[in-house]
Amino acid sequence: MMMDQLGDHARERIREKMRRSMVEPMSEQLFDAVKERMRSVLRERLAQELRSTLLEGLSSDGGFDLEGTSNKLADRLAGAIHERVMDAINGQVADVIRSRLLSTIRSGIAESPLAQRLSRDDVEKIATRIRERIEPEVRERITSALRERLREQIRERVGQVARERMREAISNGMQSGGSDPEHVVSHVRDRLADAIEERVGDGLKSQLREAVRERFEEVAGDRLREAVRSAVAERAASERSQWQVSSGRIAERLSDQILERAREKLMSGLRDRIESTIKERLEETLRECGPVAVRTALAQESSLGGGLDPEHLAETIRGELADDIRENLHDAIRERLREHMRERLGETIREAVSKGMEGHSMEASMGGQVH
């Protein structure tokens, strides 16, 4: 299976892990933080904003602009709630991603076929590279989506509660507290606070879950594919580079071992074999060719007349024997060397490779321990 295919399998496993391990936990954690910030804003600001908007809503003739007051309250509270909520979301999104994303990616890779090609250290390195590439984008997409979605959602829901409950709350407050403005404000605040928290919270919960799910799906598409392939390609390039360096050392070590073993195995007995072969083949050649060479030389001398010249006769015999001796010795030595190599060269190289790779294995083991 090609590395791109292995990377795509890993991406799918990471994507599934994100759905199960990131979306729901992040949504719940965000909602808890958002509720707490919203409750804090209502506790700190609701009475103050009610006091000012109620005063502003009174007309000179003693009437009361409920619609205008509700809208003003919604605008002011929504702005404060939105600001605090986004502060919480920014922090929580970063925390959840920091605490969960790396382990989620690591788990996805470990459960994919890609893991069979990698060591544990390689899985960790690739997971870290993928996280580094997608983390800023995940964080930015989620916070940007929520910033836009929640602003109008908060304003709309606060306004709904104000329009539905403010008139009755004011009326009840005035009946129970008479003309005491603080009593009226307190009564209205108590009536609105829980309703706003519940209504806004219901809307935010669904918006949070939907935005988180959508943005993770977006990032888990082409961006995650690109990040996985890039991380896998970097690892493959690093592996090739390491292998080139390692193979150079292996080649040098094996060459030294082959030379050392060749001295021991190949040279041992080779001289004796060649000396014995030269002696045997020389004797055979002289027995077979010597008489013929002598008769041929004598015949040549006789044809020239004038008696036998020892020097000329010896040179003629040498010339007759030289080619036969040279050819027979050459063939015999070559055959003997071939036999010697066939018997010993394979064993020599096997021993050299075994010895050389033992040293390489020890270095690799020590290198792994160092890491």
Protein backbone atom coordinates (compact mmCIF):
# COMPACT_ATOMS: atom_id res chain seq x y z
CA MET A 1 0.00 0.00 0.00
CA MET A 2 1.39 3.41 -1.03
CA MET A 3 2.17 6.01 1.63
CA ASP A 4 -0.55 8.37 0.31
CA GLN A 5 -3.12 5.61 0.75
CA LEU A 6 -1.83 4.86 4.24
CA GLY A 7 -2.05 8.58 5.01
CA ASP A 8 -5.68 8.70 3.82
CA HIS A 9 -6.57 5.73 6.02
CA ALA A 10 -4.94 7.47 8.97
CA ARG A 11 -6.87 10.67 8.21
CA GLU A 12 -10.17 8.80 8.31
CA ARG A 13 -9.31 7.25 11.66
CA ILE A 14 -8.27 10.66 13.04
CA ARG A 15 -11.50 12.14 11.72
CA GLU A 16 -13.58 9.49 13.47
CA LYS A 17 -11.63 10.02 16.67
CA MET A 18 -12.23 13.76 16.50
CA ARG A 19 -15.97 13.24 16.20
CA ARG A 20 -16.07 11.00 19.25
CA SER A 21 -13.34 12.48 21.42
CA MET A 22 -13.37 16.19 20.61
CA VAL A 23 -16.76 17.52 19.48
CA GLU A 24 -19.02 16.49 22.35
CA PRO A 25 -16.51 17.03 25.19
CA MET A 26 -15.58 20.45 23.81
CA SER A 27 -19.23 21.44 23.42
CA GLU A 28 -20.01 20.43 27.01
CA GLN A 29 -16.95 22.14 28.42
CA LEU A 30 -17.66 25.30 26.48
CA PHE A 31 -21.28 25.34 27.63
CA ASP A 32 -20.30 24.97 31.28
CA ALA A 33 -17.88 27.88 30.98
CA VAL A 34 -20.40 29.98 29.06
CA LYS A 35 -23.12 29.43 31.67
CA GLU A 36 -20.80 30.49 34.44
CA ARG A 37 -19.76 33.68 32.63
CA MET A 38 -23.37 34.51 31.75
CA ARG A 39 -24.46 34.00 35.35
CA SER A 40 -21.65 36.29 36.46
CA VAL A 41 -22.70 39.04 34.04
CA LEU A 42 -26.33 38.84 35.13
CA ARG A 43 -25.30 39.01 38.76
CA GLU A 44 -23.06 42.03 38.18
CA ARG A 45 -24.86 43.98 35.46
CA LEU A 46 -28.56 43.14 35.30
CA ALA A 47 -29.67 45.38 38.17
CA GLN A 48 -27.55 48.27 36.92
CA GLU A 49 -28.83 47.99 33.35
CA LEU A 50 -32.42 47.60 34.54
CA ARG A 51 -32.15 50.71 36.65
CA SER A 52 -30.87 52.85 33.79
CA THR A 53 -33.19 51.45 31.09
CA LEU A 54 -36.28 51.72 33.30
CA LEU A 55 -35.51 55.37 33.95
CA GLU A 56 -34.88 56.00 30.27
CA GLY A 57 -38.14 54.25 29.38
CA LEU A 58 -40.29 56.66 31.36
CA SER A 59 -41.86 59.39 29.25
CA SER A 60 -42.58 62.93 30.36
CA ASP A 61 -46.31 62.21 30.58
CA GLY A 62 -45.74 59.25 32.92
CA GLY A 63 -46.02 56.57 30.24
CA PHE A 64 -43.58 53.72 29.77
CA ASP A 65 -41.98 52.55 26.49
CA LEU A 66 -41.79 48.80 27.04
CA GLU A 67 -40.53 47.96 23.54
CA GLY A 68 -37.78 50.55 23.64
CA THR A 69 -36.77 49.57 27.16
CA SER A 70 -36.65 45.87 26.22
CA ASN A 71 -34.49 46.60 23.18
CA LYS A 72 -32.08 48.78 25.14
CA LEU A 73 -31.77 46.16 27.87
CA ALA A 74 -31.19 43.44 25.26
CA ASP A 75 -28.50 45.50 23.52
CA ARG A 76 -26.61 46.34 26.69
CA LEU A 77 -26.83 42.95 28.34
CA ALA A 78 -26.15 41.10 25.10
CA GLY A 79 -22.97 43.09 24.57
CA ALA A 80 -21.70 42.38 28.07
CA ILE A 81 -22.71 38.71 27.96
CA HIS A 82 -21.19 38.23 24.51
CA GLU A 83 -17.89 39.77 25.55
CA ARG A 84 -17.58 37.59 28.65
CA VAL A 85 -18.79 34.48 26.84
CA MET A 86 -16.21 34.91 24.06
CA ASP A 87 -13.45 35.35 26.64
CA ALA A 88 -14.49 32.02 28.13
CA ILE A 89 -14.78 30.35 24.72
CA ASN A 90 -11.33 31.52 23.61
CA GLY A 91 -9.74 30.11 26.74
CA GLN A 92 -11.71 26.88 26.78
CA VAL A 93 -11.22 26.11 23.09
CA ALA A 94 -7.47 26.51 23.54
CA ASP A 95 -7.50 24.35 26.68
CA VAL A 96 -9.53 21.53 25.15
CA ILE A 97 -7.47 21.47 21.97
CA ARG A 98 -4.24 21.55 23.95
CA SER A 99 -5.36 18.71 26.24
CA ARG A 100 -7.12 16.46 23.72
CA LEU A 101 -6.04 17.07 20.14
CA LEU A 102 -2.58 15.43 20.25
CA SER A 103 -3.84 12.28 21.99
CA THR A 104 -6.78 12.08 19.56
CA ILE A 105 -4.49 12.30 16.53
CA ARG A 106 -2.03 9.83 18.07
CA SER A 107 -4.82 7.35 18.76
CA GLY A 108 -6.15 7.67 15.20
CA ILE A 109 -2.72 6.97 13.70
CA ALA A 110 -2.09 4.06 16.08
CA GLU A 111 -5.33 2.38 14.95
CA SER A 112 -4.60 2.81 11.24
CA PRO A 113 -2.49 0.60 8.90
CA LEU A 114 0.10 3.38 8.84
CA ALA A 115 1.12 2.46 12.39
CA GLN A 116 2.49 -0.87 11.12
CA ARG A 117 5.18 1.06 9.24
CA LEU A 118 6.12 3.28 12.17
CA SER A 119 7.82 3.03 15.53
CA ARG A 120 6.15 4.50 18.60
CA ASP A 121 8.48 7.47 18.37
CA ASP A 122 7.54 7.99 14.72
CA VAL A 123 3.82 7.96 15.60
CA GLU A 124 4.44 10.63 18.23
CA LYS A 125 6.43 12.81 15.85
CA ILE A 126 3.86 12.58 13.06
CA ALA A 127 0.98 13.24 15.47
CA THR A 128 2.80 16.31 16.79
CA ARG A 129 3.42 17.63 13.28
CA ILE A 130 -0.24 17.17 12.34
CA ARG A 131 -1.39 18.91 15.52
CA GLU A 132 0.94 21.84 14.87
CA ARG A 133 -0.54 22.28 11.41
CA ILE A 134 -4.24 22.07 12.23
CA GLU A 135 -4.47 23.39 15.81
CA PRO A 136 -4.37 27.13 14.97
CA GLU A 137 -6.96 26.67 12.23
CA VAL A 138 -9.32 24.61 14.41
CA ARG A 139 -9.10 27.21 17.17
CA GLU A 140 -9.61 30.16 14.83
CA ARG A 141 -12.52 28.61 12.92
CA ILE A 142 -14.42 27.63 16.05
CA THR A 143 -13.99 30.97 17.80
CA SER A 144 -14.79 32.96 14.64
CA ALA A 145 -17.96 30.96 13.98
CA LEU A 146 -19.16 31.33 17.56
CA ARG A 147 -18.33 35.03 17.68
CA GLU A 148 -20.70 35.71 14.81
CA ARG A 149 -23.42 33.23 15.74
CA LEU A 150 -23.71 34.01 19.43
CA ARG A 151 -23.90 37.79 19.25
CA GLU A 152 -27.32 37.88 17.58
CA GLN A 153 -28.51 34.76 19.39
CA ILE A 154 -27.86 36.37 22.81
CA ARG A 155 -29.46 39.67 21.85
CA GLU A 156 -32.55 38.01 20.43
CA ARG A 157 -33.14 35.79 23.46
CA VAL A 158 -32.55 38.51 26.05
CA GLY A 159 -34.99 40.72 24.14
CA GLN A 160 -37.60 37.94 24.07
CA VAL A 161 -37.45 37.49 27.84
CA ALA A 162 -37.60 41.26 28.43
CA ARG A 163 -40.62 41.77 26.19
CA GLU A 164 -42.46 38.76 27.60
CA ARG A 165 -41.85 39.34 31.32
CA MET A 166 -40.82 42.89 32.05
CA ARG A 167 -44.28 44.52 32.12
CA GLU A 168 -45.69 41.92 34.50
CA ALA A 169 -42.52 42.00 36.65
CA ILE A 170 -42.66 45.80 36.93
CA SER A 171 -46.34 45.71 37.79
CA ASN A 172 -45.83 43.06 40.48
CA GLY A 173 -42.85 44.93 41.86
CA MET A 174 -44.78 48.14 42.13
CA GLN A 175 -47.71 46.38 43.81
CA SER A 176 -45.49 44.69 46.39
CA GLY A 177 -43.03 47.52 46.94
CA GLY A 178 -45.04 50.62 46.37
CA SER A 179 -42.99 53.50 45.08
CA ASP A 180 -39.59 52.13 46.14
CA PRO A 181 -37.57 52.06 42.87
CA GLU A 182 -34.91 49.71 44.25
CA HIS A 183 -37.56 47.22 45.25
CA VAL A 184 -39.01 47.34 41.74
CA VAL A 185 -35.55 46.89 40.19
CA SER A 186 -34.78 44.00 42.53
CA HIS A 187 -38.08 42.32 41.80
CA VAL A 188 -37.70 42.67 38.03
CA ARG A 189 -34.10 41.44 38.22
CA ASP A 190 -35.15 38.31 40.11
CA ARG A 191 -37.91 37.60 37.59
CA LEU A 192 -35.69 38.13 34.55
CA ALA A 193 -32.35 36.65 35.66
CA ASP A 194 -33.32 32.98 35.73
CA ALA A 195 -35.42 33.32 32.59
CA ILE A 196 -32.60 34.98 30.67
CA GLU A 197 -30.09 32.38 31.83
CA GLU A 198 -32.37 29.52 30.83
CA ARG A 199 -33.50 30.99 27.50
CA VAL A 200 -30.07 32.14 26.38
CA GLY A 201 -28.46 28.95 27.66
CA ASP A 202 -30.81 26.76 25.61
CA GLY A 203 -29.94 28.68 22.46
CA LEU A 204 -26.22 28.73 23.13
CA LYS A 205 -26.01 25.02 23.82
CA SER A 206 -27.28 24.03 20.38
CA GLN A 207 -25.22 26.74 18.69
CA LEU A 208 -22.05 25.61 20.45
CA ARG A 209 -22.49 21.98 19.50
CA GLU A 210 -23.35 22.78 15.89
CA ALA A 211 -20.48 25.23 15.40
CA VAL A 212 -17.90 22.90 16.97
CA ARG A 213 -19.09 19.94 14.90
CA GLU A 214 -19.14 21.90 11.63
CA ARG A 215 -15.72 23.43 12.10
CA PHE A 216 -14.10 20.14 13.02
CA GLU A 217 -15.64 18.60 9.91
CA GLU A 218 -14.27 21.42 7.80
CA VAL A 219 -10.76 21.05 9.16
CA ALA A 220 -10.97 17.24 8.98
CA GLY A 221 -11.48 17.55 5.21
CA ASP A 222 -8.78 18.87 2.94
CA ARG A 223 -6.79 20.60 5.68
CA LEU A 224 -6.33 17.41 7.69
CA ARG A 225 -5.53 15.43 4.53
CA GLU A 226 -2.86 17.96 3.64
CA ALA A 227 -1.44 17.92 7.18
CA VAL A 228 -1.31 14.11 7.32
CA ARG A 229 0.31 13.75 3.91
CA SER A 230 2.81 16.48 4.67
CA ALA A 231 3.78 14.93 8.02
CA VAL A 232 4.07 11.44 6.48
CA ALA A 233 6.14 12.82 3.57
CA GLU A 234 8.48 14.61 5.98
CA ARG A 235 8.94 11.41 7.92
CA ALA A 236 9.63 9.42 4.73
CA ALA A 237 12.18 12.03 3.58
CA SER A 238 13.86 11.93 6.98
CA GLU A 239 13.92 8.13 6.84
CA ARG A 240 15.50 8.18 3.37
CA SER A 241 18.13 10.65 4.54
CA GLN A 242 18.90 8.54 7.59
CA TRP A 243 19.11 5.43 5.41
CA GLN A 244 21.55 7.12 3.01
CA VAL A 245 23.82 8.02 5.90
CA SER A 246 23.39 4.61 7.48
CA SER A 247 23.92 2.73 4.19
CA GLY A 248 27.20 4.60 3.65
CA ARG A 249 28.44 3.44 7.04
CA ILE A 250 27.19 -0.10 6.37
CA ALA A 251 28.96 -0.22 2.98
CA GLU A 252 32.23 0.91 4.51
CA ARG A 253 31.94 -1.58 7.37
CA LEU A 254 31.01 -4.48 5.09
CA SER A 255 33.87 -3.69 2.70
CA ASP A 256 36.33 -3.80 5.59
CA GLN A 257 34.86 -7.07 6.82
CA ILE A 258 34.98 -8.67 3.37
CA LEU A 259 38.62 -7.63 2.99
CA GLU A 260 39.49 -8.99 6.40
CA ARG A 261 37.66 -12.28 5.82
CA ALA A 262 39.12 -12.60 2.33
CA ARG A 263 42.60 -12.45 3.77
CA GLU A 264 41.72 -15.22 6.19
CA LYS A 265 39.54 -17.47 4.05
CA LEU A 266 40.46 -16.90 0.41
CA MET A 267 44.22 -16.62 0.74
CA SER A 268 44.39 -19.59 3.03
CA GLY A 269 45.50 -22.57 0.91
CA LEU A 270 45.38 -20.62 -2.36
CA ARG A 271 49.17 -20.55 -2.84
CA ASP A 272 49.47 -24.27 -2.19
CA ARG A 273 46.70 -24.98 -4.67
CA ILE A 274 48.27 -22.87 -7.40
CA GLU A 275 51.76 -24.24 -6.82
CA SER A 276 50.40 -27.78 -6.95
CA THR A 277 48.42 -27.00 -10.11
CA ILE A 278 51.44 -25.42 -11.85
CA LYS A 279 53.62 -28.38 -10.97
CA GLU A 280 51.07 -30.94 -12.14
CA ARG A 281 50.15 -29.19 -15.37
CA LEU A 282 53.81 -28.38 -16.19
CA GLU A 283 54.78 -32.01 -15.80
CA GLU A 284 51.81 -33.13 -17.92
CA THR A 285 52.64 -30.62 -20.65
CA LEU A 286 56.32 -31.56 -20.72
CA ARG A 287 55.50 -35.29 -20.86
CA GLU A 288 52.98 -34.84 -23.61
CA CYS A 289 54.52 -32.07 -25.64
CA GLY A 290 58.23 -32.38 -24.80
CA PRO A 291 59.06 -35.32 -27.11
CA VAL A 292 57.12 -33.77 -29.95
CA ALA A 293 58.93 -30.46 -29.49
CA VAL A 294 62.36 -32.17 -29.45
CA ARG A 295 61.65 -34.21 -32.58
CA THR A 296 60.34 -31.14 -34.36
CA ALA A 297 63.43 -29.12 -33.39
CA LEU A 298 65.80 -31.92 -34.49
CA ALA A 299 64.04 -32.22 -37.79
CA GLN A 300 64.40 -28.49 -38.37
CA GLU A 301 68.11 -28.60 -37.49
CA SER A 302 68.68 -31.55 -39.78
CA SER A 303 66.98 -29.82 -42.69
CA LEU A 304 69.37 -26.92 -42.33
CA GLY A 305 72.49 -29.11 -42.61
CA GLY A 306 75.80 -28.34 -41.04
CA GLY A 307 75.38 -30.35 -37.90
CA LEU A 308 73.59 -29.63 -34.63
CA ASP A 309 73.94 -26.22 -32.96
CA PRO A 310 73.08 -26.65 -29.24
CA GLU A 311 72.06 -23.01 -28.83
CA HIS A 312 69.83 -22.99 -31.84
CA LEU A 313 68.39 -26.38 -30.96
CA ALA A 314 67.51 -25.23 -27.41
CA GLU A 315 65.83 -22.06 -28.70
CA THR A 316 63.81 -24.07 -31.18
CA ILE A 317 62.63 -26.49 -28.47
CA ARG A 318 61.75 -23.52 -26.21
CA GLY A 319 59.69 -21.93 -28.93
CA GLU A 320 57.84 -25.19 -29.56
CA LEU A 321 57.01 -25.69 -25.84
CA ALA A 322 56.34 -22.10 -24.70
CA ASP A 323 52.85 -21.65 -26.18
CA ASP A 324 51.68 -25.06 -25.00
CA ILE A 325 53.00 -24.48 -21.46
CA ARG A 326 51.55 -20.96 -21.31
CA GLU A 327 48.11 -22.03 -22.55
CA ASN A 328 47.89 -25.13 -20.37
CA LEU A 329 49.07 -23.33 -17.23
CA HIS A 330 46.67 -20.42 -17.86
CA ASP A 331 43.67 -22.73 -18.23
CA ALA A 332 44.67 -24.80 -15.20
CA ILE A 333 45.23 -21.79 -12.91
CA ARG A 334 41.96 -20.17 -14.02
CA GLU A 335 40.00 -23.34 -13.35
CA ARG A 336 41.67 -23.82 -9.97
CA LEU A 337 40.86 -20.21 -9.00
CA ARG A 338 37.25 -20.70 -10.09
CA GLU A 339 36.96 -23.79 -7.91
CA HIS A 340 38.57 -21.98 -4.97
CA MET A 341 36.20 -18.99 -5.29
CA ARG A 342 33.16 -21.25 -5.65
CA GLU A 343 34.09 -23.12 -2.51
CA ARG A 344 35.08 -20.19 -0.30
CA LEU A 345 33.86 -16.83 -1.62
CA GLY A 346 30.19 -17.27 -0.66
CA GLU A 347 31.04 -18.38 2.86
CA THR A 348 33.55 -15.53 3.18
CA ILE A 349 31.00 -12.88 2.18
CA ARG A 350 28.25 -14.36 4.37
CA GLU A 351 30.52 -14.27 7.40
CA ALA A 352 31.62 -10.70 6.60
CA VAL A 353 28.01 -9.49 6.17
CA SER A 354 26.91 -11.21 9.36
CA LYS A 355 29.77 -9.67 11.32
CA GLY A 356 29.24 -6.22 9.80
CA MET A 357 25.48 -6.20 10.43
CA GLU A 358 26.02 -7.22 14.05
CA GLY A 359 27.88 -3.97 14.56
CA HIS A 360 25.12 -2.03 12.78
CA SER A 361 22.41 -3.64 14.94
CA MET A 362 24.28 -2.75 18.11
CA GLU A 363 24.61 0.90 16.99
CA ALA A 364 20.91 1.08 16.09
CA SER A 365 19.97 -0.41 19.47
CA MET A 366 22.16 2.05 21.32
CA GLY A 367 20.75 4.91 19.26
CA GLY A 368 17.20 3.84 20.18
CA GLN A 369 18.12 3.78 23.86
CA VAL A 370 19.58 7.27 23.62
CA HIS A 371 16.35 8.59 22.14
